[in-house]
Structures are given as C-alpha cells and as structure tokens.
Protein backbone atom coordinates (compact mmCIF):
# COMPACT_ATOMS: atom_id res chain seq x y z
CA MET A 1 0.00 0.00 0.00
CA SER A 2 2.83 2.38 0.85
CA ASN A 3 4.38 1.98 -2.62
CA VAL A 4 1.08 2.91 -4.27
CA LEU A 5 0.76 6.04 -2.13
CA ASP A 6 4.38 7.01 -2.77
CA GLU A 7 3.90 6.56 -6.51
CA ARG A 8 0.72 8.65 -6.44
CA ARG A 9 2.42 11.44 -4.48
CA GLY A 10 5.32 11.33 -6.92
CA SER A 11 3.05 11.68 -9.96
CA GLN A 12 1.14 14.54 -8.29
CA GLN A 13 4.43 16.29 -7.54
CA ARG A 14 5.49 15.89 -11.20
CA ALA A 15 2.16 17.43 -12.28
CA TYR A 16 2.72 20.43 -9.96
CA THR A 17 6.30 20.79 -11.21
CA THR A 18 5.12 20.68 -14.83
CA LEU A 19 2.45 23.28 -14.08
CA GLY A 20 5.10 25.51 -12.50
CA ARG A 21 7.28 25.24 -15.60
CA LEU A 22 4.34 26.05 -17.90
CA LEU A 23 3.36 29.08 -15.82
CA ALA A 24 6.94 30.34 -15.84
CA ARG A 25 7.13 29.82 -19.60
CA ALA A 26 3.79 31.63 -20.09
CA ASP A 27 5.16 34.59 -18.16
CA ALA A 28 8.55 34.63 -19.92
CA GLU A 29 7.12 34.20 -23.43
CA HIS A 30 3.96 36.31 -22.88
CA LEU A 31 1.71 33.37 -23.78
CA PRO A 32 -2.08 33.79 -23.53
CA ALA A 33 -3.58 33.35 -20.09
CA ILE A 34 -5.54 30.12 -19.72
CA SER A 35 -7.04 28.28 -16.76
CA TRP A 36 -4.94 25.37 -15.44
CA THR A 37 -6.14 22.64 -13.10
CA ILE A 38 -4.85 19.26 -12.02
CA THR A 39 -7.44 16.48 -12.17
CA ASP A 40 -7.33 12.85 -11.17
CA GLY A 41 -7.23 10.63 -14.25
CA CYS A 42 -7.31 6.84 -14.53
CA SER A 43 -3.56 6.72 -15.03
CA GLY A 44 -2.73 9.44 -12.51
CA PRO A 45 -2.99 13.23 -12.32
CA THR A 46 -3.70 15.10 -15.55
CA LEU A 47 -2.81 18.74 -16.10
CA VAL A 48 -5.81 20.40 -17.81
CA GLY A 49 -5.57 23.74 -19.58
CA GLU A 50 -8.78 25.46 -20.68
CA CYS A 51 -8.72 28.51 -22.94
CA VAL A 52 -11.15 30.93 -21.33
CA ALA A 53 -10.88 34.22 -23.25
CA THR A 54 -14.21 36.05 -23.45
CA ASP A 55 -14.23 36.07 -27.26
CA PRO A 56 -14.62 32.62 -28.90
CA VAL A 57 -12.27 33.58 -31.74
CA GLN A 58 -9.64 34.56 -29.18
CA ARG A 59 -10.21 31.23 -27.37
CA GLN A 60 -9.48 29.43 -30.63
CA ASP A 61 -6.34 31.52 -31.19
CA ASP A 62 -5.18 30.89 -27.60
CA PHE A 63 -5.82 27.16 -28.08
CA GLU A 64 -3.62 27.10 -31.20
CA VAL A 65 -0.81 29.00 -29.48
CA TRP A 66 -0.77 26.57 -26.54
CA ARG A 67 -1.22 23.51 -28.78
CA ARG A 68 1.94 24.51 -30.67
CA VAL A 69 3.83 25.33 -27.45
CA LEU A 70 2.95 21.91 -26.01
CA ASP A 71 3.38 20.15 -29.36
CA ALA A 72 0.04 18.53 -28.55
CA GLU A 73 -1.98 16.47 -30.98
CA ALA A 74 -5.44 17.90 -31.65
CA TRP A 75 -8.63 15.98 -32.30
CA PRO A 76 -9.38 16.64 -35.98
CA GLY A 77 -12.28 19.09 -36.21
CA GLY A 78 -12.96 19.01 -32.48
CA LEU A 79 -16.14 17.73 -30.86
CA ARG A 80 -19.41 19.26 -32.13
CA ARG A 81 -21.76 20.63 -29.47
CA GLY A 82 -24.85 22.28 -30.96
CA VAL A 83 -23.68 25.55 -32.52
CA GLY A 84 -20.26 25.16 -30.92
CA VAL A 85 -17.17 23.01 -31.11
CA HIS A 86 -14.99 21.84 -28.26
CA LEU A 87 -11.37 21.85 -29.42
CA HIS A 88 -9.18 19.32 -27.65
CA ALA A 89 -5.50 18.40 -27.81
CA SER A 90 -3.37 16.22 -25.60
CA VAL A 91 0.20 15.18 -25.04
CA THR A 92 2.20 13.22 -22.50
CA GLY A 93 5.22 15.23 -21.40
CA GLU A 94 8.73 13.89 -21.06
CA ASP A 95 8.16 13.57 -17.30
CA GLY A 96 5.14 11.31 -17.91
CA VAL A 97 2.55 13.96 -17.01
CA SER A 98 -0.58 13.90 -19.19
CA ILE A 99 -1.53 17.36 -20.45
CA SER A 100 -4.98 18.06 -21.89
CA LEU A 101 -5.90 21.33 -23.60
CA GLY A 102 -9.41 22.52 -24.47
CA ALA A 103 -11.39 25.45 -25.80
CA ASP A 104 -15.06 25.97 -26.64
CA VAL A 105 -15.54 27.95 -29.88
CA LEU A 106 -18.37 28.74 -32.27
CA ALA A 107 -18.69 26.34 -35.19
CA GLU A 108 -19.07 29.15 -37.75
CA GLY A 109 -15.79 30.70 -36.54
CA MET A 110 -13.84 27.65 -37.66
C-alpha cells in the first residue's frame, strides 16, 4: 500500500512541477492566459488547460498558441456541441505527465 501512495504522491508532484514550468514559460514568453487545473485521471494526475478568453475567436487563437507550445496532438475538427465546437488536444510530457488542452468555440468561426 505504501508503494502505491508514494507513486501517487510522486506523480502529483510531477504534475505540480510541470504546471510551474508552464506558468513560468507563459510569463517569460507572454503566452495567452488560460485556466490550469490538475485532475485525477485513470492513469494518474492530468494537467488540464482550458482557454477561457471572453471572445470565442480569441479562445481558438489561444488554443492554437498553446497547442503549438505543447506540441500537442489535436482531435481533428474538435467535438461538435450544438452551434459550438470543443477543441481538444493532448500530449504526454517527457516527465510522464498527461496534459490536456481545451477550448469551446463557435462552429461558424472555424
């Protein structure tokens, strides 16, 4: 049981460390502000970034900037939701931390 807890704490610490590096990079490179959270996934903590700009076109632009920065693979065309689309991209970092990126945009803006 102790090994499982130690492994879980270690993966959580890696997620926090990765988040710290991303926030520092965002500040240094003047990247768009997005909302970051750490969630519990099936295979351990996942770092989730959500583009939250007020304007849906800006959310899409912010998504693309971060997708390129993370070198994340996007779902082709996103996920349709009524008149909107949820853009999603994901990548597993070199430290094993899963990173998920999302943005809700208007379908006609794409």
